[in-house]
Amino acid sequence: MPFSGVVRDASIQRFKYSFEVVWKLLKGHLDRRHGIMCNSPKNCFREALELGLLAQEEVESCLVMTDDRNLTAHTYIEAVAEQIYRRLPKYLVVMKKLIDGITAQVTI
């Protein structure tokens, strides 16, 4: 399938929404389940490392993912859009692992 700017841009938009849901899910989980207050995505991801929800490499990916989320306001710059788009599959894997880890802790 040939490249489509529309698919790229839609994927980035979906990433923005997904990122917000995942980090806020983590924030709520940390607060309710562990009594940990964090007010930024990066802080929450670092706390996830401390609790064993994510490995060091995954947290590093989450920190880059947070930066990419902030850069989505500049996807009118083709190079930025391409850079973020190429990393989306990796971000999906990390977000899914985080959700699965939270789900496992909640059902225990």
N, C-alpha and C. Protein backbone atom coordinates (compact mmCIF):
# COMPACT_ATOMS: atom_id res chain seq x y z
N MET A 1 0.86 -1.18 0.00
CA MET A 1 0.00 0.00 0.00
C MET A 1 0.90 1.24 0.00
N PRO A 2 0.67 2.16 -0.89
CA PRO A 2 1.47 3.38 -0.94
C PRO A 2 1.22 4.25 0.30
N PHE A 3 2.23 5.05 0.62
CA PHE A 3 2.14 5.94 1.77
C PHE A 3 1.00 6.94 1.59
N SER A 4 0.33 7.23 2.68
CA SER A 4 -0.74 8.22 2.65
C SER A 4 -0.55 9.19 3.81
N GLY A 5 -0.48 10.46 3.46
CA GLY A 5 -0.38 11.49 4.49
C GLY A 5 -1.61 11.52 5.37
N VAL A 6 -2.75 11.16 4.81
CA VAL A 6 -3.98 11.15 5.60
C VAL A 6 -3.91 10.06 6.68
N VAL A 7 -3.43 8.88 6.31
CA VAL A 7 -3.30 7.80 7.28
C VAL A 7 -2.28 8.18 8.35
N ARG A 8 -1.18 8.75 7.96
CA ARG A 8 -0.17 9.20 8.92
C ARG A 8 -0.76 10.19 9.90
N ASP A 9 -1.43 11.20 9.38
CA ASP A 9 -1.98 12.24 10.24
C ASP A 9 -3.08 11.70 11.16
N ALA A 10 -3.91 10.80 10.63
CA ALA A 10 -4.95 10.19 11.46
C ALA A 10 -4.33 9.31 12.55
N SER A 11 -3.26 8.61 12.21
CA SER A 11 -2.58 7.77 13.19
C SER A 11 -1.99 8.62 14.31
N ILE A 12 -1.42 9.74 13.97
CA ILE A 12 -0.86 10.64 14.97
C ILE A 12 -1.96 11.20 15.86
N GLN A 13 -3.08 11.54 15.28
CA GLN A 13 -4.21 12.04 16.07
C GLN A 13 -4.71 10.97 17.04
N ARG A 14 -4.82 9.74 16.56
CA ARG A 14 -5.24 8.63 17.42
C ARG A 14 -4.23 8.42 18.54
N PHE A 15 -2.94 8.55 18.21
CA PHE A 15 -1.89 8.44 19.22
C PHE A 15 -2.07 9.48 20.31
N LYS A 16 -2.38 10.72 19.94
CA LYS A 16 -2.58 11.78 20.93
C LYS A 16 -3.66 11.39 21.93
N TYR A 17 -4.80 10.93 21.42
CA TYR A 17 -5.91 10.54 22.30
C TYR A 17 -5.53 9.35 23.17
N SER A 18 -4.89 8.37 22.56
CA SER A 18 -4.50 7.16 23.30
C SER A 18 -3.50 7.48 24.39
N PHE A 19 -2.54 8.33 24.08
CA PHE A 19 -1.55 8.72 25.07
C PHE A 19 -2.22 9.35 26.29
N GLU A 20 -3.14 10.27 26.04
CA GLU A 20 -3.83 10.94 27.15
C GLU A 20 -4.59 9.95 28.02
N VAL A 21 -5.27 9.02 27.39
CA VAL A 21 -6.03 8.02 28.16
C VAL A 21 -5.10 7.14 28.98
N VAL A 22 -4.00 6.69 28.38
CA VAL A 22 -3.10 5.77 29.07
C VAL A 22 -2.41 6.44 30.25
N TRP A 23 -1.90 7.63 30.06
CA TRP A 23 -1.19 8.24 31.20
C TRP A 23 -2.15 8.63 32.31
N LYS A 24 -3.37 9.01 31.95
CA LYS A 24 -4.35 9.35 33.00
C LYS A 24 -4.86 8.09 33.70
N LEU A 25 -4.94 6.99 32.98
CA LEU A 25 -5.25 5.70 33.61
C LEU A 25 -4.17 5.36 34.63
N LEU A 26 -2.92 5.50 34.22
CA LEU A 26 -1.79 5.24 35.12
C LEU A 26 -1.84 6.17 36.33
N LYS A 27 -2.09 7.43 36.09
CA LYS A 27 -2.16 8.41 37.18
C LYS A 27 -3.22 8.00 38.20
N GLY A 28 -4.40 7.64 37.72
CA GLY A 28 -5.48 7.22 38.61
C GLY A 28 -5.14 5.94 39.36
N HIS A 29 -4.51 5.00 38.66
CA HIS A 29 -4.12 3.74 39.28
C HIS A 29 -3.09 3.97 40.39
N LEU A 30 -2.10 4.80 40.09
CA LEU A 30 -1.08 5.09 41.09
C LEU A 30 -1.69 5.74 42.34
N ASP A 31 -2.62 6.62 42.13
CA ASP A 31 -3.26 7.31 43.24
C ASP A 31 -4.15 6.36 44.05
N ARG A 32 -5.07 5.67 43.38
CA ARG A 32 -6.05 4.86 44.08
C ARG A 32 -5.47 3.57 44.65
N ARG A 33 -4.61 2.92 43.91
CA ARG A 33 -4.10 1.61 44.33
C ARG A 33 -2.85 1.72 45.21
N HIS A 34 -2.02 2.75 44.95
CA HIS A 34 -0.74 2.83 45.64
C HIS A 34 -0.56 4.11 46.46
N GLY A 35 -1.51 5.03 46.41
CA GLY A 35 -1.39 6.27 47.17
C GLY A 35 -0.29 7.19 46.67
N ILE A 36 0.06 7.06 45.40
CA ILE A 36 1.13 7.87 44.81
C ILE A 36 0.51 8.97 43.96
N MET A 37 0.84 10.20 44.30
CA MET A 37 0.34 11.33 43.52
C MET A 37 1.40 11.75 42.51
N CYS A 38 1.03 11.84 41.26
CA CYS A 38 1.93 12.37 40.23
C CYS A 38 1.09 13.22 39.30
N ASN A 39 1.66 14.31 38.86
CA ASN A 39 0.90 15.26 38.06
C ASN A 39 1.39 15.43 36.64
N SER A 40 2.38 14.64 36.26
CA SER A 40 2.86 14.74 34.88
C SER A 40 3.05 13.34 34.34
N PRO A 41 2.93 13.19 33.04
CA PRO A 41 3.13 11.87 32.45
C PRO A 41 4.51 11.29 32.76
N LYS A 42 5.54 12.08 32.64
CA LYS A 42 6.89 11.56 32.87
C LYS A 42 7.05 11.07 34.30
N ASN A 43 6.53 11.81 35.26
CA ASN A 43 6.60 11.38 36.65
C ASN A 43 5.84 10.07 36.85
N CYS A 44 4.67 9.95 36.25
CA CYS A 44 3.88 8.73 36.37
C CYS A 44 4.61 7.53 35.76
N PHE A 45 5.24 7.72 34.61
CA PHE A 45 5.97 6.62 34.00
C PHE A 45 7.16 6.20 34.86
N ARG A 46 7.81 7.14 35.49
CA ARG A 46 8.92 6.80 36.40
C ARG A 46 8.42 6.01 37.61
N GLU A 47 7.25 6.37 38.10
CA GLU A 47 6.65 5.63 39.20
C GLU A 47 6.28 4.21 38.76
N ALA A 48 5.84 4.06 37.51
CA ALA A 48 5.51 2.73 36.99
C ALA A 48 6.74 1.83 37.00
N LEU A 49 7.91 2.39 36.77
CA LEU A 49 9.16 1.64 36.86
C LEU A 49 9.37 1.15 38.29
N GLU A 50 9.19 2.04 39.25
CA GLU A 50 9.40 1.68 40.65
C GLU A 50 8.47 0.56 41.11
N LEU A 51 7.28 0.50 40.52
CA LEU A 51 6.31 -0.53 40.90
C LEU A 51 6.41 -1.79 40.04
N GLY A 52 7.34 -1.78 39.08
CA GLY A 52 7.52 -2.96 38.24
C GLY A 52 6.51 -3.10 37.11
N LEU A 53 5.75 -2.04 36.86
CA LEU A 53 4.80 -2.08 35.75
C LEU A 53 5.51 -1.98 34.40
N LEU A 54 6.64 -1.31 34.39
CA LEU A 54 7.43 -1.13 33.18
C LEU A 54 8.90 -1.36 33.51
N ALA A 55 9.66 -1.82 32.51
CA ALA A 55 11.11 -1.97 32.63
C ALA A 55 11.77 -0.63 32.29
N GLN A 56 13.04 -0.50 32.63
CA GLN A 56 13.77 0.75 32.39
C GLN A 56 13.69 1.17 30.92
N GLU A 57 13.92 0.24 30.01
CA GLU A 57 13.88 0.56 28.58
C GLU A 57 12.50 1.05 28.15
N GLU A 58 11.46 0.46 28.73
CA GLU A 58 10.10 0.88 28.40
C GLU A 58 9.80 2.27 28.94
N VAL A 59 10.31 2.56 30.11
CA VAL A 59 10.12 3.91 30.67
C VAL A 59 10.83 4.93 29.79
N GLU A 60 12.03 4.61 29.35
CA GLU A 60 12.74 5.51 28.45
C GLU A 60 11.93 5.75 27.18
N SER A 61 11.30 4.71 26.67
CA SER A 61 10.44 4.85 25.49
C SER A 61 9.25 5.75 25.82
N CYS A 62 8.70 5.60 27.03
CA CYS A 62 7.57 6.43 27.45
C CYS A 62 7.97 7.90 27.58
N LEU A 63 9.18 8.16 28.00
CA LEU A 63 9.64 9.55 28.11
C LEU A 63 9.76 10.18 26.73
N VAL A 64 10.27 9.42 25.77
CA VAL A 64 10.34 9.91 24.38
C VAL A 64 8.92 10.06 23.83
N MET A 65 8.06 9.10 24.17
CA MET A 65 6.67 9.16 23.73
C MET A 65 6.00 10.43 24.24
N THR A 66 6.29 10.80 25.47
CA THR A 66 5.73 12.04 26.04
C THR A 66 6.22 13.26 25.25
N ASP A 67 7.49 13.27 24.94
CA ASP A 67 8.02 14.37 24.12
C ASP A 67 7.35 14.40 22.75
N ASP A 68 7.16 13.21 22.16
CA ASP A 68 6.48 13.15 20.86
C ASP A 68 5.04 13.63 20.97
N ARG A 69 4.38 13.30 22.07
CA ARG A 69 3.01 13.78 22.26
C ARG A 69 2.99 15.31 22.25
N ASN A 70 3.97 15.90 22.90
CA ASN A 70 4.05 17.36 22.93
C ASN A 70 4.38 17.94 21.56
N LEU A 71 5.10 17.18 20.75
CA LEU A 71 5.45 17.65 19.41
C LEU A 71 4.31 17.52 18.40
N THR A 72 3.24 16.83 18.76
CA THR A 72 2.15 16.65 17.80
C THR A 72 1.51 17.97 17.40
N ALA A 73 1.74 18.99 18.16
CA ALA A 73 1.25 20.33 17.77
C ALA A 73 2.01 20.86 16.56
N HIS A 74 3.12 20.20 16.21
CA HIS A 74 3.97 20.69 15.12
C HIS A 74 4.05 19.70 13.96
N THR A 75 3.04 18.87 13.81
CA THR A 75 3.10 17.88 12.73
C THR A 75 2.88 18.49 11.35
N TYR A 76 2.64 19.77 11.30
CA TYR A 76 2.63 20.45 10.00
C TYR A 76 4.04 20.46 9.41
N ILE A 77 5.03 20.21 10.24
CA ILE A 77 6.40 20.06 9.78
C ILE A 77 6.56 18.58 9.41
N GLU A 78 6.72 18.31 8.13
CA GLU A 78 6.74 16.93 7.62
C GLU A 78 7.73 16.04 8.37
N ALA A 79 8.91 16.54 8.64
CA ALA A 79 9.94 15.73 9.31
C ALA A 79 9.48 15.30 10.70
N VAL A 80 8.81 16.18 11.41
CA VAL A 80 8.30 15.86 12.74
C VAL A 80 7.20 14.81 12.63
N ALA A 81 6.30 15.00 11.71
CA ALA A 81 5.22 14.03 11.52
C ALA A 81 5.76 12.65 11.17
N GLU A 82 6.73 12.60 10.29
CA GLU A 82 7.34 11.32 9.88
C GLU A 82 8.04 10.65 11.06
N GLN A 83 8.75 11.42 11.83
CA GLN A 83 9.49 10.88 12.97
C GLN A 83 8.53 10.26 13.98
N ILE A 84 7.48 10.95 14.31
CA ILE A 84 6.50 10.43 15.26
C ILE A 84 5.81 9.20 14.68
N TYR A 85 5.40 9.27 13.44
CA TYR A 85 4.69 8.16 12.81
C TYR A 85 5.50 6.87 12.83
N ARG A 86 6.79 6.97 12.59
CA ARG A 86 7.65 5.77 12.58
C ARG A 86 7.74 5.11 13.95
N ARG A 87 7.56 5.88 15.02
CA ARG A 87 7.68 5.32 16.36
C ARG A 87 6.35 4.79 16.92
N LEU A 88 5.25 5.03 16.24
CA LEU A 88 3.95 4.63 16.77
C LEU A 88 3.83 3.13 17.08
N PRO A 89 4.34 2.23 16.24
CA PRO A 89 4.21 0.81 16.59
C PRO A 89 4.88 0.45 17.91
N LYS A 90 6.03 1.03 18.20
CA LYS A 90 6.72 0.79 19.46
C LYS A 90 5.90 1.33 20.63
N TYR A 91 5.31 2.50 20.44
CA TYR A 91 4.50 3.10 21.50
C TYR A 91 3.27 2.24 21.79
N LEU A 92 2.69 1.66 20.76
CA LEU A 92 1.52 0.80 20.96
C LEU A 92 1.87 -0.38 21.86
N VAL A 93 3.02 -0.99 21.62
CA VAL A 93 3.46 -2.13 22.43
C VAL A 93 3.62 -1.72 23.90
N VAL A 94 4.26 -0.60 24.13
CA VAL A 94 4.50 -0.14 25.51
C VAL A 94 3.18 0.22 26.19
N MET A 95 2.30 0.92 25.50
CA MET A 95 1.02 1.28 26.10
C MET A 95 0.21 0.04 26.45
N LYS A 96 0.23 -0.95 25.55
CA LYS A 96 -0.51 -2.19 25.82
C LYS A 96 0.06 -2.91 27.03
N LYS A 97 1.38 -2.97 27.16
CA LYS A 97 1.99 -3.62 28.31
C LYS A 97 1.60 -2.92 29.60
N LEU A 98 1.58 -1.60 29.57
CA LEU A 98 1.21 -0.83 30.75
C LEU A 98 -0.24 -1.10 31.14
N ILE A 99 -1.12 -1.10 30.16
CA ILE A 99 -2.54 -1.38 30.44
C ILE A 99 -2.70 -2.79 31.01
N ASP A 100 -2.00 -3.75 30.41
CA ASP A 100 -2.09 -5.13 30.90
C ASP A 100 -1.57 -5.24 32.33
N GLY A 101 -0.50 -4.53 32.65
CA GLY A 101 0.05 -4.56 34.01
C GLY A 101 -0.91 -3.95 35.02
N ILE A 102 -1.53 -2.86 34.65
CA ILE A 102 -2.52 -2.22 35.54
C ILE A 102 -3.70 -3.16 35.74
N THR A 103 -4.17 -3.75 34.66
CA THR A 103 -5.31 -4.68 34.73
C THR A 103 -4.98 -5.85 35.65
N ALA A 104 -3.78 -6.38 35.55
CA ALA A 104 -3.38 -7.50 36.40
C ALA A 104 -3.38 -7.10 37.88
N GLN A 105 -2.93 -5.89 38.18
CA GLN A 105 -2.91 -5.45 39.58
C GLN A 105 -4.31 -5.20 40.12
N VAL A 106 -5.19 -4.74 39.26
CA VAL A 106 -6.55 -4.45 39.69
C VAL A 106 -7.33 -5.72 39.96
N THR A 107 -7.07 -6.76 39.18
CA THR A 107 -7.83 -7.99 39.32
C THR A 107 -7.28 -8.91 40.40
N ILE A 108 -6.18 -8.52 41.01
CA ILE A 108 -5.59 -9.35 42.08
C ILE A 108 -6.35 -9.11 43.36
